[in-house]
Amino acid sequence: MVNALTLIYSLTAVMAVQACKQTCVFVEDTGNHCTYNCVHACKDISAQQARNTFLTALIHAGHECSELDTSGVKCKKVNKFGACSGHYWSCGDDC
């Protein structure tokens, strides 16, 4: 027999993962820069708002980043930045 509490916990965990959507994702590594694109993934935040939030977080973390078009971010790749693919922004429940 399956423990009901375990089953409910498992279903909740799966739903939480599905609710959290990647909004800003890695697009390209030029060797010197990393570029990211943000999309309208959650109904309460536009792609530009997601970009601005992601950009602000990167700058506050000490990275050299700037706006790229209306929904992109470009960051200078230095040792402290790490791998381009290690940076992203998500929106939704339980992020």
N, C-alpha and C. Protein backbone atom coordinates (compact mmCIF):
# COMPACT_ATOMS: atom_id res chain seq x y z
N MET A 1 0.84 -1.18 0.00
CA MET A 1 0.00 0.00 0.00
C MET A 1 0.89 1.25 0.00
N VAL A 2 0.51 2.25 -0.74
CA VAL A 2 1.28 3.49 -0.85
C VAL A 2 0.89 4.43 0.28
N ASN A 3 1.89 4.99 0.91
CA ASN A 3 1.65 5.96 1.97
C ASN A 3 1.08 7.22 1.33
N ALA A 4 -0.11 7.66 1.74
CA ALA A 4 -0.78 8.81 1.15
C ALA A 4 0.03 10.09 1.32
N LEU A 5 0.65 10.26 2.46
CA LEU A 5 1.44 11.46 2.70
C LEU A 5 2.64 11.53 1.75
N THR A 6 3.29 10.42 1.50
CA THR A 6 4.41 10.37 0.58
C THR A 6 3.95 10.71 -0.84
N LEU A 7 2.82 10.18 -1.23
CA LEU A 7 2.27 10.43 -2.55
C LEU A 7 1.93 11.91 -2.72
N ILE A 8 1.30 12.51 -1.73
CA ILE A 8 0.95 13.94 -1.80
C ILE A 8 2.21 14.78 -1.87
N TYR A 9 3.20 14.46 -1.07
CA TYR A 9 4.46 15.21 -1.09
C TYR A 9 5.12 15.12 -2.46
N SER A 10 5.12 13.94 -3.06
CA SER A 10 5.74 13.75 -4.37
C SER A 10 5.02 14.55 -5.44
N LEU A 11 3.71 14.52 -5.42
CA LEU A 11 2.94 15.29 -6.40
C LEU A 11 3.14 16.78 -6.24
N THR A 12 3.24 17.25 -5.01
CA THR A 12 3.48 18.67 -4.74
C THR A 12 4.85 19.07 -5.26
N ALA A 13 5.85 18.25 -5.07
CA ALA A 13 7.20 18.55 -5.55
C ALA A 13 7.23 18.64 -7.06
N VAL A 14 6.54 17.75 -7.75
CA VAL A 14 6.50 17.77 -9.21
C VAL A 14 5.79 19.03 -9.69
N MET A 15 4.68 19.40 -9.05
CA MET A 15 3.94 20.59 -9.44
C MET A 15 4.78 21.84 -9.22
N ALA A 16 5.56 21.90 -8.16
CA ALA A 16 6.40 23.06 -7.87
C ALA A 16 7.47 23.22 -8.94
N VAL A 17 8.05 22.12 -9.38
CA VAL A 17 9.07 22.19 -10.42
C VAL A 17 8.47 22.71 -11.72
N GLN A 18 7.28 22.27 -12.05
CA GLN A 18 6.63 22.70 -13.27
C GLN A 18 6.21 24.17 -13.18
N ALA A 19 5.91 24.67 -11.99
CA ALA A 19 5.45 26.04 -11.84
C ALA A 19 6.58 27.04 -11.99
N CYS A 20 7.80 26.65 -11.74
CA CYS A 20 8.96 27.55 -11.83
C CYS A 20 9.51 27.48 -13.26
N LYS A 21 9.42 28.60 -13.99
CA LYS A 21 9.81 28.62 -15.40
C LYS A 21 11.05 29.47 -15.61
N GLN A 22 11.99 28.97 -16.40
CA GLN A 22 13.18 29.77 -16.70
C GLN A 22 12.78 30.89 -17.64
N THR A 23 13.05 32.11 -17.20
CA THR A 23 12.67 33.30 -17.94
C THR A 23 13.85 33.87 -18.72
N CYS A 24 15.03 33.91 -18.12
CA CYS A 24 16.24 34.39 -18.79
C CYS A 24 17.23 33.25 -18.86
N VAL A 25 17.63 32.92 -20.08
CA VAL A 25 18.51 31.76 -20.28
C VAL A 25 19.73 32.12 -21.12
N PHE A 26 20.77 31.36 -20.94
CA PHE A 26 22.02 31.49 -21.68
C PHE A 26 21.78 31.21 -23.15
N VAL A 27 22.35 32.07 -24.01
CA VAL A 27 22.20 31.92 -25.45
C VAL A 27 23.53 31.65 -26.15
N GLU A 28 24.57 32.45 -25.79
CA GLU A 28 25.82 32.34 -26.53
C GLU A 28 27.02 32.70 -25.65
N ASP A 29 28.12 31.99 -25.88
CA ASP A 29 29.40 32.27 -25.24
C ASP A 29 30.38 32.63 -26.36
N THR A 30 30.77 33.91 -26.41
CA THR A 30 31.68 34.36 -27.47
C THR A 30 33.14 34.19 -27.07
N GLY A 31 33.38 33.74 -25.87
CA GLY A 31 34.73 33.65 -25.34
C GLY A 31 35.03 34.80 -24.41
N ASN A 32 34.59 36.00 -24.79
CA ASN A 32 34.78 37.19 -23.97
C ASN A 32 33.50 37.62 -23.25
N HIS A 33 32.35 37.25 -23.82
CA HIS A 33 31.07 37.66 -23.27
C HIS A 33 30.08 36.50 -23.27
N CYS A 34 29.11 36.61 -22.37
CA CYS A 34 27.99 35.68 -22.32
C CYS A 34 26.74 36.48 -22.64
N THR A 35 25.89 35.95 -23.47
CA THR A 35 24.63 36.63 -23.77
C THR A 35 23.46 35.76 -23.32
N TYR A 36 22.41 36.45 -22.91
CA TYR A 36 21.20 35.81 -22.38
C TYR A 36 19.99 36.44 -23.04
N ASN A 37 18.93 35.67 -23.14
CA ASN A 37 17.67 36.18 -23.67
C ASN A 37 16.57 35.90 -22.64
N CYS A 38 15.72 36.89 -22.46
CA CYS A 38 14.60 36.77 -21.52
C CYS A 38 13.29 36.74 -22.30
N VAL A 39 12.37 35.90 -21.86
CA VAL A 39 11.08 35.75 -22.53
C VAL A 39 9.94 35.98 -21.54
N HIS A 40 8.77 36.17 -22.08
CA HIS A 40 7.57 36.33 -21.26
C HIS A 40 7.07 34.94 -20.87
N ALA A 41 7.60 34.41 -19.78
CA ALA A 41 7.27 33.04 -19.37
C ALA A 41 6.20 33.00 -18.28
N CYS A 42 6.06 34.06 -17.52
CA CYS A 42 5.08 34.11 -16.45
C CYS A 42 4.16 35.30 -16.68
N LYS A 43 2.88 35.11 -16.41
CA LYS A 43 1.89 36.12 -16.75
C LYS A 43 2.09 37.45 -16.02
N ASP A 44 2.72 37.45 -14.87
CA ASP A 44 2.85 38.67 -14.08
C ASP A 44 4.16 39.42 -14.29
N ILE A 45 4.99 38.99 -15.25
CA ILE A 45 6.26 39.68 -15.50
C ILE A 45 6.59 39.61 -16.99
N SER A 46 6.82 40.78 -17.59
CA SER A 46 7.15 40.83 -19.01
C SER A 46 8.60 40.41 -19.22
N ALA A 47 8.96 40.18 -20.48
CA ALA A 47 10.34 39.82 -20.80
C ALA A 47 11.29 40.94 -20.39
N GLN A 48 10.88 42.19 -20.59
CA GLN A 48 11.74 43.32 -20.23
C GLN A 48 11.88 43.44 -18.71
N GLN A 49 10.80 43.20 -17.97
CA GLN A 49 10.89 43.23 -16.50
C GLN A 49 11.79 42.11 -16.00
N ALA A 50 11.68 40.94 -16.61
CA ALA A 50 12.54 39.80 -16.23
C ALA A 50 14.00 40.15 -16.51
N ARG A 51 14.25 40.74 -17.68
CA ARG A 51 15.60 41.16 -18.04
C ARG A 51 16.15 42.15 -17.02
N ASN A 52 15.35 43.14 -16.65
CA ASN A 52 15.80 44.16 -15.71
C ASN A 52 16.12 43.56 -14.34
N THR A 53 15.31 42.63 -13.89
CA THR A 53 15.53 41.97 -12.60
C THR A 53 16.79 41.12 -12.64
N PHE A 54 16.94 40.34 -13.70
CA PHE A 54 18.12 39.49 -13.90
C PHE A 54 19.38 40.35 -13.97
N LEU A 55 19.34 41.42 -14.75
CA LEU A 55 20.48 42.32 -14.91
C LEU A 55 20.86 42.95 -13.58
N THR A 56 19.89 43.41 -12.83
CA THR A 56 20.15 44.02 -11.52
C THR A 56 20.82 43.02 -10.58
N ALA A 57 20.34 41.79 -10.58
CA ALA A 57 20.94 40.76 -9.71
C ALA A 57 22.39 40.48 -10.11
N LEU A 58 22.66 40.41 -11.40
CA LEU A 58 24.02 40.17 -11.87
C LEU A 58 24.95 41.32 -11.49
N ILE A 59 24.49 42.55 -11.66
CA ILE A 59 25.30 43.72 -11.31
C ILE A 59 25.56 43.77 -9.81
N HIS A 60 24.53 43.49 -9.02
CA HIS A 60 24.71 43.49 -7.56
C HIS A 60 25.66 42.38 -7.10
N ALA A 61 25.78 41.33 -7.90
CA ALA A 61 26.73 40.25 -7.58
C ALA A 61 28.15 40.61 -8.00
N GLY A 62 28.32 41.81 -8.58
CA GLY A 62 29.66 42.27 -8.95
C GLY A 62 30.08 41.98 -10.37
N HIS A 63 29.14 41.55 -11.21
CA HIS A 63 29.47 41.23 -12.60
C HIS A 63 29.30 42.45 -13.50
N GLU A 64 30.08 42.49 -14.59
CA GLU A 64 30.01 43.57 -15.56
C GLU A 64 29.04 43.19 -16.66
N CYS A 65 27.78 43.62 -16.51
CA CYS A 65 26.73 43.26 -17.45
C CYS A 65 25.98 44.50 -17.90
N SER A 66 25.33 44.37 -19.05
CA SER A 66 24.55 45.49 -19.59
C SER A 66 23.35 44.97 -20.37
N GLU A 67 22.43 45.90 -20.68
CA GLU A 67 21.26 45.57 -21.48
C GLU A 67 21.68 45.24 -22.90
N LEU A 68 20.95 44.35 -23.52
CA LEU A 68 21.16 44.00 -24.92
C LEU A 68 19.77 43.94 -25.56
N ASP A 69 19.46 44.88 -26.42
CA ASP A 69 18.13 45.01 -27.01
C ASP A 69 17.08 45.19 -25.90
N THR A 70 15.86 44.76 -26.16
CA THR A 70 14.80 44.97 -25.16
C THR A 70 14.67 43.83 -24.16
N SER A 71 15.24 42.67 -24.49
CA SER A 71 15.06 41.54 -23.57
C SER A 71 16.33 40.72 -23.38
N GLY A 72 17.46 41.29 -23.71
CA GLY A 72 18.71 40.56 -23.59
C GLY A 72 19.66 41.15 -22.56
N VAL A 73 20.62 40.34 -22.17
CA VAL A 73 21.68 40.75 -21.24
C VAL A 73 23.00 40.27 -21.81
N LYS A 74 24.03 41.11 -21.68
CA LYS A 74 25.37 40.75 -22.12
C LYS A 74 26.31 40.97 -20.95
N CYS A 75 27.11 39.96 -20.61
CA CYS A 75 28.04 40.05 -19.48
C CYS A 75 29.46 39.77 -19.94
N LYS A 76 30.38 40.55 -19.40
CA LYS A 76 31.80 40.32 -19.67
C LYS A 76 32.20 39.05 -18.93
N LYS A 77 32.85 38.16 -19.65
CA LYS A 77 33.23 36.88 -19.07
C LYS A 77 34.63 37.00 -18.45
N VAL A 78 34.68 36.97 -17.16
CA VAL A 78 35.93 36.97 -16.41
C VAL A 78 35.90 35.78 -15.47
N ASN A 79 37.02 35.44 -14.87
CA ASN A 79 37.11 34.24 -14.03
C ASN A 79 36.04 34.20 -12.94
N LYS A 80 35.78 35.33 -12.30
CA LYS A 80 34.80 35.31 -11.21
C LYS A 80 33.38 35.07 -11.71
N PHE A 81 33.14 35.27 -13.01
CA PHE A 81 31.81 35.08 -13.57
C PHE A 81 31.47 33.59 -13.66
N GLY A 82 32.45 32.78 -13.98
CA GLY A 82 32.22 31.35 -14.10
C GLY A 82 31.62 30.99 -15.45
N ALA A 83 30.97 29.86 -15.51
CA ALA A 83 30.38 29.37 -16.76
C ALA A 83 29.14 30.17 -17.12
N CYS A 84 29.00 30.50 -18.38
CA CYS A 84 27.83 31.24 -18.85
C CYS A 84 26.54 30.50 -18.51
N SER A 85 26.54 29.21 -18.71
CA SER A 85 25.34 28.41 -18.50
C SER A 85 24.92 28.32 -17.03
N GLY A 86 25.78 28.76 -16.14
CA GLY A 86 25.46 28.71 -14.71
C GLY A 86 24.59 29.86 -14.24
N HIS A 87 24.30 30.81 -15.13
CA HIS A 87 23.49 31.97 -14.77
C HIS A 87 22.16 31.92 -15.53
N TYR A 88 21.06 32.12 -14.83
CA TYR A 88 19.73 32.15 -15.43
C TYR A 88 18.78 32.83 -14.45
N TRP A 89 17.59 33.12 -14.91
CA TRP A 89 16.58 33.73 -14.04
C TRP A 89 15.27 32.98 -14.25
N SER A 90 14.58 32.71 -13.16
CA SER A 90 13.31 31.99 -13.24
C SER A 90 12.20 32.80 -12.59
N CYS A 91 10.98 32.52 -13.00
CA CYS A 91 9.82 33.15 -12.39
C CYS A 91 8.78 32.06 -12.11
N GLY A 92 7.82 32.41 -11.30
CA GLY A 92 6.76 31.46 -10.97
C GLY A 92 6.80 31.08 -9.51
N ASP A 93 5.98 30.12 -9.15
CA ASP A 93 5.89 29.66 -7.77
C ASP A 93 7.11 28.86 -7.37
N ASP A 94 7.53 29.03 -6.13
CA ASP A 94 8.61 28.24 -5.53
C ASP A 94 9.95 28.37 -6.25
N CYS A 95 10.26 29.55 -6.76
CA CYS A 95 11.56 29.75 -7.42
C CYS A 95 12.56 30.29 -6.43
